[in-house]
Amino acid sequence: MINIILCGAPGCGKGTQSKLIVDKYKLMHLSTGDLLRNEIKSNSDLGKIVESYISNGNFVPDDMIIDILEKTIDNMPKNSEGIILDGFPRTVNQAETLEIMLKNRNTDTDILIDIIVDEEELINRVISRGLTSGRADDNLEIIKKRLEVYHEKTEPVSNFYKNLNKYVSINGMGTIDEIFNRISTVLDNIKQ
């Protein structure tokens, strides 16, 4: 079993690379955004609470996200070779809580892969994506704010995993295949 965290600034290609990793390594893709939306759709009590936070523009508290992750991991398909976390942890507190939760299940995180892309390129990618996807949050003003929040809140997560010797940075410049080959080299070494 292999458990990885895919990290990087908005626009670095986490979603694209996650799909490729899932296909090649048979991992279960855990995107916190998707998990929260699914919980809301399930109309569970927890889903109703989650919806009340999101509909008011607030962040869902860490303990609720962990509850949803725990439930998902506990019910993951038996043929899954592990998990890939995309969009979580976003803070050091979330990282610490994640490691405790995994340890309680007799597993842990193998590696955090940080996709590094020049900031100018990130902005260009997100603006281009916004033109084709129609996503309202893919504009210059919002991407600059998202990058500020990323640098302030999420970059310290990288240091947390560096201290655990579970961090690797990947050059996120180049084609999708070039970046995926770099990631595959790291994952192939872990699986051995």
N, C-alpha and C. Protein backbone atom coordinates (compact mmCIF):
# COMPACT_ATOMS: atom_id res chain seq x y z
N MET A 1 0.85 -1.18 0.00
CA MET A 1 0.00 0.00 0.00
C MET A 1 0.89 1.24 0.00
N ILE A 2 0.48 2.23 -0.78
CA ILE A 2 1.25 3.47 -0.86
C ILE A 2 0.28 4.64 -0.66
N ASN A 3 0.66 5.56 0.21
CA ASN A 3 -0.16 6.73 0.50
C ASN A 3 0.65 7.98 0.19
N ILE A 4 0.13 8.78 -0.74
CA ILE A 4 0.87 9.98 -1.13
C ILE A 4 -0.01 11.22 -1.04
N ILE A 5 0.66 12.34 -0.85
CA ILE A 5 0.03 13.65 -0.87
C ILE A 5 0.59 14.37 -2.08
N LEU A 6 -0.31 14.90 -2.90
CA LEU A 6 0.12 15.70 -4.04
C LEU A 6 -0.15 17.16 -3.68
N CYS A 7 0.91 17.94 -3.72
CA CYS A 7 0.85 19.31 -3.25
C CYS A 7 1.38 20.25 -4.32
N GLY A 8 1.01 21.50 -4.23
CA GLY A 8 1.50 22.50 -5.15
C GLY A 8 0.52 23.65 -5.22
N ALA A 9 1.00 24.76 -5.70
CA ALA A 9 0.18 25.97 -5.79
C ALA A 9 -0.95 25.78 -6.79
N PRO A 10 -2.01 26.60 -6.68
CA PRO A 10 -3.08 26.54 -7.67
C PRO A 10 -2.53 26.69 -9.09
N GLY A 11 -2.94 25.79 -9.98
CA GLY A 11 -2.48 25.85 -11.36
C GLY A 11 -1.27 25.00 -11.66
N CYS A 12 -0.74 24.28 -10.65
CA CYS A 12 0.48 23.49 -10.86
C CYS A 12 0.21 22.19 -11.60
N GLY A 13 -1.06 21.78 -11.67
CA GLY A 13 -1.39 20.55 -12.39
C GLY A 13 -1.72 19.37 -11.50
N LYS A 14 -2.06 19.62 -10.23
CA LYS A 14 -2.37 18.52 -9.31
C LYS A 14 -3.50 17.63 -9.83
N GLY A 15 -4.58 18.24 -10.30
CA GLY A 15 -5.72 17.46 -10.77
C GLY A 15 -5.36 16.57 -11.95
N THR A 16 -4.65 17.13 -12.91
CA THR A 16 -4.23 16.38 -14.10
C THR A 16 -3.31 15.23 -13.70
N GLN A 17 -2.32 15.51 -12.87
CA GLN A 17 -1.36 14.48 -12.46
C GLN A 17 -2.02 13.43 -11.58
N SER A 18 -2.97 13.84 -10.73
CA SER A 18 -3.68 12.88 -9.87
C SER A 18 -4.35 11.80 -10.71
N LYS A 19 -5.02 12.21 -11.79
CA LYS A 19 -5.71 11.25 -12.65
C LYS A 19 -4.73 10.23 -13.23
N LEU A 20 -3.58 10.72 -13.67
CA LEU A 20 -2.57 9.82 -14.25
C LEU A 20 -2.01 8.86 -13.20
N ILE A 21 -1.78 9.38 -12.00
CA ILE A 21 -1.25 8.55 -10.91
C ILE A 21 -2.26 7.47 -10.52
N VAL A 22 -3.53 7.86 -10.41
CA VAL A 22 -4.59 6.91 -10.05
C VAL A 22 -4.63 5.77 -11.06
N ASP A 23 -4.59 6.11 -12.35
CA ASP A 23 -4.65 5.09 -13.39
C ASP A 23 -3.46 4.14 -13.36
N LYS A 24 -2.26 4.68 -13.20
CA LYS A 24 -1.06 3.83 -13.24
C LYS A 24 -0.86 3.02 -11.97
N TYR A 25 -1.14 3.62 -10.80
CA TYR A 25 -0.79 2.97 -9.54
C TYR A 25 -1.99 2.39 -8.79
N LYS A 26 -3.19 2.52 -9.36
CA LYS A 26 -4.42 1.96 -8.77
C LYS A 26 -4.66 2.49 -7.36
N LEU A 27 -4.47 3.80 -7.21
CA LEU A 27 -4.71 4.45 -5.93
C LEU A 27 -6.11 5.04 -5.91
N MET A 28 -6.63 5.21 -4.71
CA MET A 28 -7.92 5.87 -4.55
C MET A 28 -7.65 7.37 -4.43
N HIS A 29 -8.29 8.16 -5.30
CA HIS A 29 -8.09 9.61 -5.33
C HIS A 29 -9.02 10.26 -4.30
N LEU A 30 -8.42 10.93 -3.33
CA LEU A 30 -9.20 11.62 -2.31
C LEU A 30 -9.00 13.12 -2.46
N SER A 31 -9.96 13.76 -3.11
CA SER A 31 -9.96 15.21 -3.24
C SER A 31 -10.94 15.73 -2.21
N THR A 32 -10.47 16.58 -1.30
CA THR A 32 -11.36 17.04 -0.23
C THR A 32 -12.57 17.77 -0.79
N GLY A 33 -12.39 18.52 -1.88
CA GLY A 33 -13.53 19.19 -2.49
C GLY A 33 -14.59 18.20 -2.93
N ASP A 34 -14.16 17.13 -3.61
CA ASP A 34 -15.09 16.10 -4.06
C ASP A 34 -15.76 15.40 -2.88
N LEU A 35 -14.96 15.09 -1.85
CA LEU A 35 -15.51 14.41 -0.67
C LEU A 35 -16.58 15.25 0.01
N LEU A 36 -16.32 16.55 0.13
CA LEU A 36 -17.29 17.44 0.77
C LEU A 36 -18.57 17.52 -0.07
N ARG A 37 -18.42 17.65 -1.39
CA ARG A 37 -19.60 17.71 -2.26
C ARG A 37 -20.40 16.40 -2.18
N ASN A 38 -19.71 15.26 -2.13
CA ASN A 38 -20.40 13.97 -2.03
C ASN A 38 -21.13 13.83 -0.70
N GLU A 39 -20.52 14.33 0.35
CA GLU A 39 -21.17 14.27 1.67
C GLU A 39 -22.45 15.11 1.67
N ILE A 40 -22.39 16.27 1.02
CA ILE A 40 -23.59 17.12 0.92
C ILE A 40 -24.67 16.39 0.12
N LYS A 41 -24.27 15.78 -1.01
CA LYS A 41 -25.23 15.06 -1.86
C LYS A 41 -25.89 13.90 -1.13
N SER A 42 -25.14 13.27 -0.20
CA SER A 42 -25.68 12.12 0.53
C SER A 42 -26.81 12.52 1.47
N ASN A 43 -26.92 13.83 1.73
CA ASN A 43 -27.97 14.37 2.60
C ASN A 43 -27.86 13.83 4.03
N SER A 44 -26.64 13.41 4.43
CA SER A 44 -26.41 12.95 5.79
C SER A 44 -26.44 14.15 6.74
N ASP A 45 -26.51 13.85 8.04
CA ASP A 45 -26.48 14.95 9.02
C ASP A 45 -25.19 15.74 8.88
N LEU A 46 -24.07 15.02 8.71
CA LEU A 46 -22.79 15.69 8.53
C LEU A 46 -22.79 16.52 7.25
N GLY A 47 -23.39 15.97 6.18
CA GLY A 47 -23.48 16.69 4.92
C GLY A 47 -24.25 18.00 5.05
N LYS A 48 -25.31 17.99 5.85
CA LYS A 48 -26.09 19.21 6.08
C LYS A 48 -25.27 20.26 6.82
N ILE A 49 -24.48 19.82 7.77
CA ILE A 49 -23.62 20.75 8.51
C ILE A 49 -22.54 21.32 7.59
N VAL A 50 -21.93 20.44 6.79
CA VAL A 50 -20.90 20.86 5.83
C VAL A 50 -21.49 21.91 4.88
N GLU A 51 -22.68 21.64 4.37
CA GLU A 51 -23.33 22.56 3.43
C GLU A 51 -23.56 23.94 4.08
N SER A 52 -23.90 23.94 5.37
CA SER A 52 -24.15 25.22 6.04
C SER A 52 -22.86 26.05 6.12
N TYR A 53 -21.73 25.40 6.30
CA TYR A 53 -20.46 26.14 6.30
C TYR A 53 -20.16 26.68 4.91
N ILE A 54 -20.22 25.80 3.91
CA ILE A 54 -19.83 26.18 2.55
C ILE A 54 -20.77 27.24 1.98
N SER A 55 -22.07 27.08 2.21
CA SER A 55 -23.02 28.03 1.63
C SER A 55 -22.88 29.43 2.23
N ASN A 56 -22.27 29.50 3.41
CA ASN A 56 -22.02 30.80 4.03
C ASN A 56 -20.61 31.32 3.75
N GLY A 57 -19.90 30.62 2.86
CA GLY A 57 -18.56 31.05 2.47
C GLY A 57 -17.48 30.76 3.49
N ASN A 58 -17.77 29.85 4.42
CA ASN A 58 -16.80 29.52 5.47
C ASN A 58 -16.07 28.21 5.16
N PHE A 59 -14.88 28.06 5.75
CA PHE A 59 -14.14 26.81 5.63
C PHE A 59 -14.79 25.77 6.52
N VAL A 60 -14.78 24.53 6.06
CA VAL A 60 -15.27 23.42 6.87
C VAL A 60 -14.19 23.13 7.92
N PRO A 61 -14.57 23.00 9.20
CA PRO A 61 -13.57 22.75 10.25
C PRO A 61 -12.78 21.46 10.00
N ASP A 62 -11.52 21.49 10.44
CA ASP A 62 -10.62 20.34 10.24
C ASP A 62 -11.21 19.03 10.73
N ASP A 63 -11.85 19.04 11.91
CA ASP A 63 -12.34 17.78 12.47
C ASP A 63 -13.42 17.16 11.59
N MET A 64 -14.21 17.99 10.93
CA MET A 64 -15.23 17.45 10.02
C MET A 64 -14.59 16.85 8.78
N ILE A 65 -13.59 17.52 8.25
CA ILE A 65 -12.89 16.99 7.07
C ILE A 65 -12.23 15.66 7.42
N ILE A 66 -11.60 15.60 8.58
CA ILE A 66 -10.96 14.34 9.03
C ILE A 66 -12.01 13.25 9.19
N ASP A 67 -13.19 13.57 9.76
CA ASP A 67 -14.26 12.58 9.90
C ASP A 67 -14.64 11.99 8.54
N ILE A 68 -14.78 12.87 7.54
CA ILE A 68 -15.15 12.42 6.21
C ILE A 68 -14.03 11.57 5.59
N LEU A 69 -12.77 12.01 5.78
CA LEU A 69 -11.63 11.23 5.27
C LEU A 69 -11.58 9.86 5.92
N GLU A 70 -11.76 9.82 7.24
CA GLU A 70 -11.73 8.54 7.96
C GLU A 70 -12.78 7.59 7.41
N LYS A 71 -13.99 8.09 7.25
CA LYS A 71 -15.09 7.27 6.75
C LYS A 71 -14.76 6.74 5.35
N THR A 72 -14.20 7.60 4.51
CA THR A 72 -13.87 7.21 3.14
C THR A 72 -12.76 6.16 3.12
N ILE A 73 -11.72 6.39 3.91
CA ILE A 73 -10.60 5.44 3.96
C ILE A 73 -11.05 4.10 4.52
N ASP A 74 -11.90 4.14 5.55
CA ASP A 74 -12.38 2.89 6.15
C ASP A 74 -13.25 2.08 5.18
N ASN A 75 -13.85 2.75 4.21
CA ASN A 75 -14.73 2.07 3.25
C ASN A 75 -14.12 1.97 1.87
N MET A 76 -12.81 2.15 1.76
CA MET A 76 -12.21 2.13 0.43
C MET A 76 -12.18 0.71 -0.12
N PRO A 77 -12.26 0.61 -1.45
CA PRO A 77 -12.29 -0.71 -2.09
C PRO A 77 -11.05 -1.54 -1.72
N LYS A 78 -11.28 -2.83 -1.56
CA LYS A 78 -10.19 -3.74 -1.16
C LYS A 78 -9.09 -3.83 -2.22
N ASN A 79 -9.42 -3.56 -3.49
CA ASN A 79 -8.42 -3.68 -4.55
C ASN A 79 -7.58 -2.41 -4.70
N SER A 80 -7.83 -1.41 -3.88
CA SER A 80 -7.07 -0.17 -3.94
C SER A 80 -5.66 -0.41 -3.41
N GLU A 81 -4.69 0.15 -4.10
CA GLU A 81 -3.28 -0.01 -3.71
C GLU A 81 -2.82 1.08 -2.75
N GLY A 82 -3.74 1.97 -2.36
CA GLY A 82 -3.40 3.07 -1.46
C GLY A 82 -4.22 4.29 -1.81
N ILE A 83 -3.77 5.45 -1.31
CA ILE A 83 -4.52 6.69 -1.54
C ILE A 83 -3.60 7.80 -2.05
N ILE A 84 -4.22 8.70 -2.78
CA ILE A 84 -3.55 9.93 -3.15
C ILE A 84 -4.44 11.06 -2.65
N LEU A 85 -3.88 11.89 -1.81
CA LEU A 85 -4.60 13.04 -1.27
C LEU A 85 -4.28 14.27 -2.11
N ASP A 86 -5.32 14.93 -2.56
CA ASP A 86 -5.20 16.10 -3.42
C ASP A 86 -6.02 17.22 -2.76
N GLY A 87 -5.33 18.26 -2.31
CA GLY A 87 -6.03 19.37 -1.65
C GLY A 87 -6.09 19.22 -0.15
N PHE A 88 -5.40 18.26 0.39
CA PHE A 88 -5.36 18.05 1.84
C PHE A 88 -4.07 17.30 2.15
N PRO A 89 -3.36 17.65 3.18
CA PRO A 89 -3.62 18.72 4.16
C PRO A 89 -3.21 20.09 3.64
N ARG A 90 -3.95 21.10 4.06
CA ARG A 90 -3.65 22.48 3.66
C ARG A 90 -2.96 23.27 4.76
N THR A 91 -2.95 22.72 5.97
CA THR A 91 -2.28 23.39 7.10
C THR A 91 -1.48 22.35 7.88
N VAL A 92 -0.55 22.83 8.70
CA VAL A 92 0.25 21.91 9.52
C VAL A 92 -0.65 21.15 10.49
N ASN A 93 -1.65 21.83 11.05
CA ASN A 93 -2.58 21.15 11.96
C ASN A 93 -3.27 19.99 11.25
N GLN A 94 -3.70 20.21 10.01
CA GLN A 94 -4.32 19.13 9.24
C GLN A 94 -3.33 18.00 8.98
N ALA A 95 -2.07 18.34 8.71
CA ALA A 95 -1.04 17.32 8.46
C ALA A 95 -0.82 16.47 9.71
N GLU A 96 -0.72 17.12 10.86
CA GLU A 96 -0.52 16.38 12.11
C GLU A 96 -1.71 15.45 12.38
N THR A 97 -2.91 15.97 12.18
CA THR A 97 -4.11 15.17 12.40
C THR A 97 -4.19 14.01 11.43
N LEU A 98 -3.83 14.25 10.18
CA LEU A 98 -3.82 13.19 9.16
C LEU A 98 -2.86 12.07 9.57
N GLU A 99 -1.67 12.43 10.01
CA GLU A 99 -0.69 11.40 10.38
C GLU A 99 -1.18 10.56 11.55
N ILE A 100 -1.84 11.17 12.52
CA ILE A 100 -2.40 10.41 13.65
C ILE A 100 -3.50 9.47 13.16
N MET A 101 -4.38 10.00 12.29
CA MET A 101 -5.48 9.20 11.78
C MET A 101 -4.95 7.98 10.99
N LEU A 102 -3.94 8.19 10.16
CA LEU A 102 -3.38 7.07 9.40
C LEU A 102 -2.67 6.07 10.32
N LYS A 103 -1.92 6.59 11.28
CA LYS A 103 -1.22 5.71 12.22
C LYS A 103 -2.21 4.82 12.98
N ASN A 104 -3.38 5.38 13.32
CA ASN A 104 -4.42 4.60 14.00
C ASN A 104 -4.97 3.49 13.11
N ARG A 105 -4.67 3.55 11.82
CA ARG A 105 -5.10 2.52 10.86
C ARG A 105 -3.89 1.69 10.40
N ASN A 106 -2.83 1.74 11.18
CA ASN A 106 -1.61 0.97 10.91
C ASN A 106 -0.99 1.28 9.55
N THR A 107 -1.03 2.54 9.16
CA THR A 107 -0.39 2.98 7.92
C THR A 107 0.10 4.41 8.14
N ASP A 108 0.74 4.96 7.15
CA ASP A 108 1.14 6.36 7.22
C ASP A 108 1.38 6.91 5.83
N THR A 109 1.72 8.18 5.77
CA THR A 109 2.02 8.81 4.50
C THR A 109 3.41 8.38 4.05
N ASP A 110 3.53 7.97 2.79
CA ASP A 110 4.84 7.60 2.26
C ASP A 110 5.61 8.82 1.79
N ILE A 111 4.92 9.76 1.13
CA ILE A 111 5.64 10.90 0.54
C ILE A 111 4.66 12.04 0.25
N LEU A 112 5.18 13.25 0.37
CA LEU A 112 4.48 14.43 -0.15
C LEU A 112 5.25 14.85 -1.39
N ILE A 113 4.55 14.89 -2.51
CA ILE A 113 5.16 15.32 -3.77
C ILE A 113 4.69 16.75 -4.02
N ASP A 114 5.65 17.66 -4.06
CA ASP A 114 5.37 19.08 -4.24
C ASP A 114 5.70 19.47 -5.67
N ILE A 115 4.69 19.81 -6.46
CA ILE A 115 4.89 20.19 -7.86
C ILE A 115 5.22 21.68 -7.89
N ILE A 116 6.44 21.99 -8.29
CA ILE A 116 6.95 23.37 -8.28
C ILE A 116 6.86 23.98 -9.69
N VAL A 117 6.15 25.10 -9.77
CA VAL A 117 5.98 25.81 -11.04
C VAL A 117 6.24 27.29 -10.78
N ASP A 118 6.94 27.95 -11.72
CA ASP A 118 7.18 29.40 -11.61
C ASP A 118 5.86 30.13 -11.46
N GLU A 119 5.86 31.16 -10.61
CA GLU A 119 4.61 31.88 -10.33
C GLU A 119 3.99 32.49 -11.58
N GLU A 120 4.80 33.04 -12.45
CA GLU A 120 4.27 33.63 -13.69
C GLU A 120 3.56 32.58 -14.52
N GLU A 121 4.15 31.38 -14.59
CA GLU A 121 3.53 30.28 -15.33
C GLU A 121 2.23 29.84 -14.66
N LEU A 122 2.22 29.79 -13.31
CA LEU A 122 0.98 29.43 -12.60
C LEU A 122 -0.15 30.37 -12.98
N ILE A 123 0.14 31.66 -12.95
CA ILE A 123 -0.88 32.67 -13.28
C ILE A 123 -1.37 32.47 -14.71
N ASN A 124 -0.44 32.27 -15.64
CA ASN A 124 -0.82 32.06 -17.04
C ASN A 124 -1.69 30.81 -17.21
N ARG A 125 -1.32 29.73 -16.52
CA ARG A 125 -2.09 28.49 -16.62
C ARG A 125 -3.51 28.68 -16.09
N VAL A 126 -3.62 29.34 -14.95
CA VAL A 126 -4.94 29.50 -14.33
C VAL A 126 -5.83 30.41 -15.17
N ILE A 127 -5.25 31.47 -15.68
CA ILE A 127 -6.04 32.38 -16.53
C ILE A 127 -6.48 31.65 -17.81
N SER A 128 -5.59 30.87 -18.41
CA SER A 128 -5.95 30.09 -19.60
C SER A 128 -7.05 29.09 -19.28
N ARG A 129 -6.91 28.43 -18.13
CA ARG A 129 -7.94 27.46 -17.71
C ARG A 129 -9.28 28.17 -17.55
N GLY A 130 -9.26 29.36 -16.98
CA GLY A 130 -10.49 30.11 -16.78
C GLY A 130 -11.19 30.45 -18.08
N LEU A 131 -10.41 30.70 -19.12
CA LEU A 131 -10.99 31.03 -20.42
C LEU A 131 -11.71 29.84 -21.04
N THR A 132 -11.20 28.63 -20.77
CA THR A 132 -11.82 27.44 -21.36
C THR A 132 -12.82 26.76 -20.44
N SER A 133 -12.59 26.85 -19.11
CA SER A 133 -13.46 26.12 -18.17
C SER A 133 -14.64 26.94 -17.70
N GLY A 134 -14.49 28.26 -17.75
CA GLY A 134 -15.55 29.11 -17.24
C GLY A 134 -15.57 29.20 -15.72
N ARG A 135 -14.52 28.67 -15.06
CA ARG A 135 -14.48 28.75 -13.59
C ARG A 135 -14.35 30.20 -13.17
N ALA A 136 -15.24 30.63 -12.30
CA ALA A 136 -15.27 32.03 -11.86
C ALA A 136 -14.04 32.41 -11.05
N ASP A 137 -13.41 31.42 -10.40
CA ASP A 137 -12.25 31.73 -9.55
C ASP A 137 -10.94 31.75 -10.33
N ASP A 138 -10.99 31.54 -11.63
CA ASP A 138 -9.78 31.54 -12.46
C ASP A 138 -9.59 32.90 -13.14
N ASN A 139 -9.39 33.93 -12.32
CA ASN A 139 -9.07 35.25 -12.86
C ASN A 139 -7.89 35.81 -12.09
N LEU A 140 -7.27 36.87 -12.62
CA LEU A 140 -6.01 37.37 -12.08
C LEU A 140 -6.12 37.78 -10.61
N GLU A 141 -7.15 38.51 -10.26
CA GLU A 141 -7.29 38.98 -8.88
C GLU A 141 -7.41 37.81 -7.89
N ILE A 142 -8.24 36.85 -8.24
CA ILE A 142 -8.47 35.72 -7.33
C ILE A 142 -7.24 34.80 -7.29
N ILE A 143 -6.60 34.56 -8.42
CA ILE A 143 -5.42 33.69 -8.39
C ILE A 143 -4.31 34.29 -7.55
N LYS A 144 -4.13 35.60 -7.61
CA LYS A 144 -3.10 36.24 -6.77
C LYS A 144 -3.43 36.05 -5.29
N LYS A 145 -4.70 36.18 -4.93
CA LYS A 145 -5.12 35.97 -3.54
C LYS A 145 -4.92 34.51 -3.14
N ARG A 146 -5.29 33.58 -4.03
CA ARG A 146 -5.12 32.16 -3.74
C ARG A 146 -3.65 31.81 -3.56
N LEU A 147 -2.78 32.43 -4.34
CA LEU A 147 -1.34 32.18 -4.19
C LEU A 147 -0.83 32.72 -2.87
N GLU A 148 -1.32 33.88 -2.45
CA GLU A 148 -0.94 34.43 -1.14
C GLU A 148 -1.32 33.47 -0.02
N VAL A 149 -2.55 32.98 -0.05
CA VAL A 149 -3.04 32.05 0.97
C VAL A 149 -2.21 30.77 0.93
N TYR A 150 -1.91 30.29 -0.28
CA TYR A 150 -1.10 29.08 -0.43
C TYR A 150 0.27 29.27 0.24
N HIS A 151 0.93 30.38 -0.07
CA HIS A 151 2.27 30.62 0.50
C HIS A 151 2.21 30.73 2.03
N GLU A 152 1.17 31.36 2.53
CA GLU A 152 1.06 31.57 3.97
C GLU A 152 0.67 30.31 4.73
N LYS A 153 -0.32 29.60 4.23
CA LYS A 153 -0.90 28.49 5.00
C LYS A 153 -0.39 27.11 4.59
N THR A 154 -0.19 26.89 3.28
CA THR A 154 0.08 25.53 2.80
C THR A 154 1.57 25.24 2.67
N GLU A 155 2.38 26.23 2.32
CA GLU A 155 3.82 25.95 2.20
C GLU A 155 4.42 25.38 3.49
N PRO A 156 3.97 25.81 4.69
CA PRO A 156 4.52 25.19 5.91
C PRO A 156 4.28 23.69 6.01
N VAL A 157 3.26 23.18 5.31
CA VAL A 157 3.02 21.73 5.30
C VAL A 157 4.22 21.02 4.67
N SER A 158 4.82 21.62 3.66
CA SER A 158 6.01 21.04 3.04
C SER A 158 7.12 20.89 4.05
N ASN A 159 7.32 21.90 4.89
CA ASN A 159 8.36 21.82 5.92
C ASN A 159 8.06 20.72 6.93
N PHE A 160 6.79 20.53 7.26
CA PHE A 160 6.39 19.46 8.17
C PHE A 160 6.84 18.11 7.62
N TYR A 161 6.60 17.87 6.33
CA TYR A 161 6.99 16.60 5.72
C TYR A 161 8.49 16.51 5.44
N LYS A 162 9.14 17.65 5.23
CA LYS A 162 10.61 17.64 5.12
C LYS A 162 11.21 17.13 6.43
N ASN A 163 10.65 17.59 7.56
CA ASN A 163 11.15 17.16 8.87
C ASN A 163 10.93 15.67 9.11
N LEU A 164 9.95 15.08 8.42
CA LEU A 164 9.70 13.64 8.53
C LEU A 164 10.45 12.84 7.46
N ASN A 165 11.27 13.55 6.65
CA ASN A 165 11.97 12.94 5.51
C ASN A 165 11.00 12.26 4.54
N LYS A 166 9.86 12.92 4.33
CA LYS A 166 8.84 12.40 3.42
C LYS A 166 8.44 13.45 2.39
N TYR A 167 9.40 14.21 1.94
CA TYR A 167 9.13 15.32 1.02
C TYR A 167 10.01 15.19 -0.22
N VAL A 168 9.42 15.44 -1.37
CA VAL A 168 10.20 15.54 -2.59
C VAL A 168 9.55 16.61 -3.47
N SER A 169 10.38 17.44 -4.07
CA SER A 169 9.84 18.43 -5.00
C SER A 169 10.07 17.93 -6.42
N ILE A 170 9.11 18.25 -7.28
CA ILE A 170 9.14 17.84 -8.68
C ILE A 170 9.06 19.11 -9.52
N ASN A 171 9.89 19.18 -10.53
CA ASN A 171 9.83 20.30 -11.47
C ASN A 171 8.52 20.18 -12.24
N GLY A 172 7.63 21.16 -12.05
CA GLY A 172 6.32 21.14 -12.69
C GLY A 172 6.27 21.89 -14.01
N MET A 173 7.44 22.23 -14.55
CA MET A 173 7.50 22.91 -15.86
C MET A 173 7.70 21.84 -16.93
N GLY A 174 7.05 22.02 -18.07
CA GLY A 174 7.19 21.07 -19.17
C GLY A 174 5.83 20.51 -19.54
N THR A 175 5.87 19.44 -20.32
CA THR A 175 4.61 18.82 -20.77
C THR A 175 4.03 17.96 -19.64
N ILE A 176 2.77 17.62 -19.79
CA ILE A 176 2.10 16.76 -18.82
C ILE A 176 2.86 15.44 -18.69
N ASP A 177 3.27 14.87 -19.81
CA ASP A 177 3.99 13.59 -19.78
C ASP A 177 5.36 13.72 -19.11
N GLU A 178 6.06 14.81 -19.37
CA GLU A 178 7.37 15.00 -18.73
C GLU A 178 7.22 15.08 -17.21
N ILE A 179 6.23 15.82 -16.76
CA ILE A 179 6.00 15.96 -15.32
C ILE A 179 5.59 14.62 -14.72
N PHE A 180 4.71 13.89 -15.42
CA PHE A 180 4.26 12.59 -14.92
C PHE A 180 5.43 11.61 -14.85
N ASN A 181 6.34 11.64 -15.81
CA ASN A 181 7.51 10.76 -15.77
C ASN A 181 8.37 11.05 -14.54
N ARG A 182 8.51 12.34 -14.18
CA ARG A 182 9.28 12.69 -12.98
C ARG A 182 8.60 12.13 -11.72
N ILE A 183 7.27 12.28 -11.67
CA ILE A 183 6.52 11.76 -10.52
C ILE A 183 6.62 10.24 -10.47
N SER A 184 6.49 9.59 -11.62
CA SER A 184 6.55 8.12 -11.68
C SER A 184 7.89 7.59 -11.18
N THR A 185 8.96 8.29 -11.49
CA THR A 185 10.29 7.87 -11.02
C THR A 185 10.31 7.84 -9.49
N VAL A 186 9.75 8.87 -8.87
CA VAL A 186 9.69 8.92 -7.40
C VAL A 186 8.84 7.77 -6.86
N LEU A 187 7.65 7.58 -7.43
CA LEU A 187 6.73 6.55 -6.92
C LEU A 187 7.26 5.15 -7.17
N ASP A 188 7.92 4.92 -8.31
CA ASP A 188 8.49 3.60 -8.58
C ASP A 188 9.55 3.25 -7.54
N ASN A 189 10.33 4.24 -7.12
CA ASN A 189 11.35 4.00 -6.09
C ASN A 189 10.73 3.66 -4.74
N ILE A 190 9.58 4.27 -4.44
CA ILE A 190 8.90 3.99 -3.16
C ILE A 190 8.30 2.58 -3.17
N LYS A 191 7.73 2.20 -4.29
CA LYS A 191 7.05 0.90 -4.38
C LYS A 191 8.01 -0.29 -4.31
N GLN A 192 9.30 -0.05 -4.58
CA GLN A 192 10.27 -1.17 -4.58
C GLN A 192 10.52 -1.70 -3.18
